[in-house]
Each structure stands twice: as C-alpha cells, then as structure tokens.
C-alpha cells in the first residue's frame, strides 16, 4: 500500500474522489514503508518490534480517521468506501 501511495498518488486521489491531498497521501505512503521496514528489520521479539507493531495499529487508526473526514467532500463515495474498507481490514489484522 505504501508503494501505491507513493507511485500512484494521483490515481488514489481520483479513485477516492478527493483533490489536493497528494502530499498527505505520499507522506502516509512513506510512513507505511518506513514502519514496515522497521518491523522486518527486527531479528526477533523485542521492545522495538512491539513498538513498531503498535505504531502500525496507530497508523491504521489515523488512516481510518483521515478517510472518515473526507467522506462529506468526496466526489466518489464508492471509491472512498473501498479505501476505508481496506484500512479497517488492515487494522483488524493486528491486536
């Protein structure tokens, strides 16, 4: 998802029916890639891994909250809904 947010920012904006959010989408993509790299770089269960996992949970909550604020302004409710569903599905995979 992070790579898509970086490489296909405009496509995501069109799919979700929002404008002028490219910087935010790219920032979220970079944050996702960095957090994923931190998780994968850990050799085993340790405090850094646990912190990275909880950061991912917080990131998913922030993504859902951000998408929820876009609902009143979207030109494509179905596209935005699919992205919100993706966020909820991601969040449900983590404790």
C-alpha atoms as a PDB file:
ATOM      1  CA  UNK A   1       0.000   0.000   0.000  1.00  0.00           C
ATOM      2  CA  UNK A   2       2.820   2.400   0.819  1.00  0.00           C
ATOM      3  CA  UNK A   3       4.363   1.952  -2.619  1.00  0.00           C
ATOM      4  CA  UNK A   4       0.985   2.634  -4.239  1.00  0.00           C
ATOM      5  CA  UNK A   5       0.581   5.795  -2.169  1.00  0.00           C
ATOM      6  CA  UNK A   6       3.977   6.993  -3.392  1.00  0.00           C
ATOM      7  CA  UNK A   7       3.823   5.859  -7.019  1.00  0.00           C
ATOM      8  CA  UNK A   8       0.135   6.324  -7.850  1.00  0.00           C
ATOM      9  CA  UNK A   9      -0.870   9.307  -5.744  1.00  0.00           C
ATOM     10  CA  UNK A  10      -2.996  10.946  -8.425  1.00  0.00           C
ATOM     11  CA  UNK A  11      -4.774   7.663  -9.193  1.00  0.00           C
ATOM     12  CA  UNK A  12      -5.630   7.257  -5.497  1.00  0.00           C
ATOM     13  CA  UNK A  13      -6.959  10.826  -5.367  1.00  0.00           C
ATOM     14  CA  UNK A  14      -9.163  10.131  -8.399  1.00  0.00           C
ATOM     15  CA  UNK A  15     -10.331   6.768  -7.042  1.00  0.00           C
ATOM     16  CA  UNK A  16     -11.255   8.310  -3.679  1.00  0.00           C
ATOM     17  CA  UNK A  17     -12.742  11.406  -5.310  1.00  0.00           C
ATOM     18  CA  UNK A  18     -10.594  13.934  -3.455  1.00  0.00           C
ATOM     19  CA  UNK A  19      -8.332  16.733  -4.667  1.00  0.00           C
ATOM     20  CA  UNK A  20      -5.163  18.371  -3.412  1.00  0.00           C
ATOM     21  CA  UNK A  21      -4.217  15.644  -0.946  1.00  0.00           C
ATOM     22  CA  UNK A  22      -1.165  14.342  -2.809  1.00  0.00           C
ATOM     23  CA  UNK A  23       1.327  15.459  -0.182  1.00  0.00           C
ATOM     24  CA  UNK A  24      -0.658  13.791   2.603  1.00  0.00           C
ATOM     25  CA  UNK A  25      -1.064  10.569   0.608  1.00  0.00           C
ATOM     26  CA  UNK A  26       2.661  10.442  -0.206  1.00  0.00           C
ATOM     27  CA  UNK A  27       3.553  11.139   3.440  1.00  0.00           C
ATOM     28  CA  UNK A  28       1.296   8.292   4.564  1.00  0.00           C
ATOM     29  CA  UNK A  29       2.934   6.037   1.969  1.00  0.00           C
ATOM     30  CA  UNK A  30       6.414   6.878   3.183  1.00  0.00           C
ATOM     31  CA  UNK A  31       5.329   6.338   6.780  1.00  0.00           C
ATOM     32  CA  UNK A  32       3.937   2.906   5.866  1.00  0.00           C
ATOM     33  CA  UNK A  33       7.144   1.858   4.097  1.00  0.00           C
ATOM     34  CA  UNK A  34       9.365   3.033   6.976  1.00  0.00           C
ATOM     35  CA  UNK A  35       7.191   1.294   9.566  1.00  0.00           C
ATOM     36  CA  UNK A  36       7.166  -1.923   7.536  1.00  0.00           C
ATOM     37  CA  UNK A  37      10.947  -1.801   7.203  1.00  0.00           C
ATOM     38  CA  UNK A  38      11.311  -1.326  10.960  1.00  0.00           C
ATOM     39  CA  UNK A  39       9.145  -4.383  11.599  1.00  0.00           C
ATOM     40  CA  UNK A  40      11.000  -6.539   9.077  1.00  0.00           C
ATOM     41  CA  UNK A  41      14.430  -5.435  10.329  1.00  0.00           C
ATOM     42  CA  UNK A  42      13.896  -6.884  13.795  1.00  0.00           C
ATOM     43  CA  UNK A  43      15.665 -10.206  14.415  1.00  0.00           C
ATOM     44  CA  UNK A  44      13.068 -11.402  16.910  1.00  0.00           C
ATOM     45  CA  UNK A  45      10.600 -10.318  19.527  1.00  0.00           C
ATOM     46  CA  UNK A  46      11.930  -7.246  21.318  1.00  0.00           C
ATOM     47  CA  UNK A  47      10.742  -3.845  22.511  1.00  0.00           C
ATOM     48  CA  UNK A  48      11.473  -2.207  19.150  1.00  0.00           C
ATOM     49  CA  UNK A  49       9.372  -4.785  17.306  1.00  0.00           C
ATOM     50  CA  UNK A  50       6.497  -4.432  19.754  1.00  0.00           C
ATOM     51  CA  UNK A  51       6.697  -0.632  19.456  1.00  0.00           C
ATOM     52  CA  UNK A  52       6.706  -0.880  15.666  1.00  0.00           C
ATOM     53  CA  UNK A  53       3.659  -3.127  15.726  1.00  0.00           C
ATOM     54  CA  UNK A  54       1.761  -0.715  17.969  1.00  0.00           C
ATOM     55  CA  UNK A  55       2.845   2.135  15.681  1.00  0.00           C
ATOM     56  CA  UNK A  56       1.239   0.233  12.834  1.00  0.00           C
ATOM     57  CA  UNK A  57      -2.011  -0.084  14.798  1.00  0.00           C
ATOM     58  CA  UNK A  58      -1.940   3.672  15.484  1.00  0.00           C
ATOM     59  CA  UNK A  59      -1.191   4.336  11.800  1.00  0.00           C
ATOM     60  CA  UNK A  60      -4.198   2.283  10.721  1.00  0.00           C
ATOM     61  CA  UNK A  61      -6.427   4.197  13.153  1.00  0.00           C
ATOM     62  CA  UNK A  62      -5.098   7.505  11.793  1.00  0.00           C
ATOM     63  CA  UNK A  63      -5.709   6.352   8.205  1.00  0.00           C
ATOM     64  CA  UNK A  64      -9.317   5.443   9.004  1.00  0.00           C
ATOM     65  CA  UNK A  65      -9.882   8.760  10.802  1.00  0.00           C
ATOM     66  CA  UNK A  66      -8.393  10.695   7.881  1.00  0.00           C
ATOM     67  CA  UNK A  67     -10.579   8.860   5.369  1.00  0.00           C
ATOM     68  CA  UNK A  68     -13.643   9.438   7.548  1.00  0.00           C
ATOM     69  CA  UNK A  69     -13.067  13.201   7.427  1.00  0.00           C
ATOM     70  CA  UNK A  70     -13.049  13.022   3.615  1.00  0.00           C
ATOM     71  CA  UNK A  71     -16.493  11.402   3.390  1.00  0.00           C
ATOM     72  CA  UNK A  72     -18.500  14.669   3.239  1.00  0.00           C
ATOM     73  CA  UNK A  73     -16.268  16.051   0.457  1.00  0.00           C
ATOM     74  CA  UNK A  74     -15.704  13.089  -1.840  1.00  0.00           C
ATOM     75  CA  UNK A  75     -16.866  13.007  -5.445  1.00  0.00           C
ATOM     76  CA  UNK A  76     -16.704   9.196  -5.418  1.00  0.00           C
ATOM     77  CA  UNK A  77     -18.201   7.677  -2.251  1.00  0.00           C
ATOM     78  CA  UNK A  78     -17.722   4.120  -3.582  1.00  0.00           C
ATOM     79  CA  UNK A  79     -14.006   4.692  -4.199  1.00  0.00           C
ATOM     80  CA  UNK A  80     -13.532   6.248  -0.792  1.00  0.00           C
ATOM     81  CA  UNK A  81     -15.520   3.430   0.770  1.00  0.00           C
ATOM     82  CA  UNK A  82     -13.210   0.833  -0.763  1.00  0.00           C
ATOM     83  CA  UNK A  83     -10.164   2.608   0.702  1.00  0.00           C
ATOM     84  CA  UNK A  84     -11.840   2.875   4.123  1.00  0.00           C
ATOM     85  CA  UNK A  85     -12.674  -0.833   3.990  1.00  0.00           C
ATOM     86  CA  UNK A  86      -9.032  -1.596   3.160  1.00  0.00           C
ATOM     87  CA  UNK A  87      -7.957   0.422   6.212  1.00  0.00           C
ATOM     88  CA  UNK A  88     -10.384  -1.393   8.508  1.00  0.00           C
ATOM     89  CA  UNK A  89      -9.252  -4.758   7.132  1.00  0.00           C
ATOM     90  CA  UNK A  90      -5.594  -3.846   7.747  1.00  0.00           C
ATOM     91  CA  UNK A  91      -6.356  -2.657  11.278  1.00  0.00           C
ATOM     92  CA  UNK A  92      -8.278  -5.824  12.127  1.00  0.00           C
ATOM     93  CA  UNK A  93      -5.214  -7.962  11.414  1.00  0.00           C
ATOM     94  CA  UNK A  94      -3.279  -6.542  14.348  1.00  0.00           C
ATOM     95  CA  UNK A  95      -4.007  -6.788  18.077  1.00  0.00           C
END
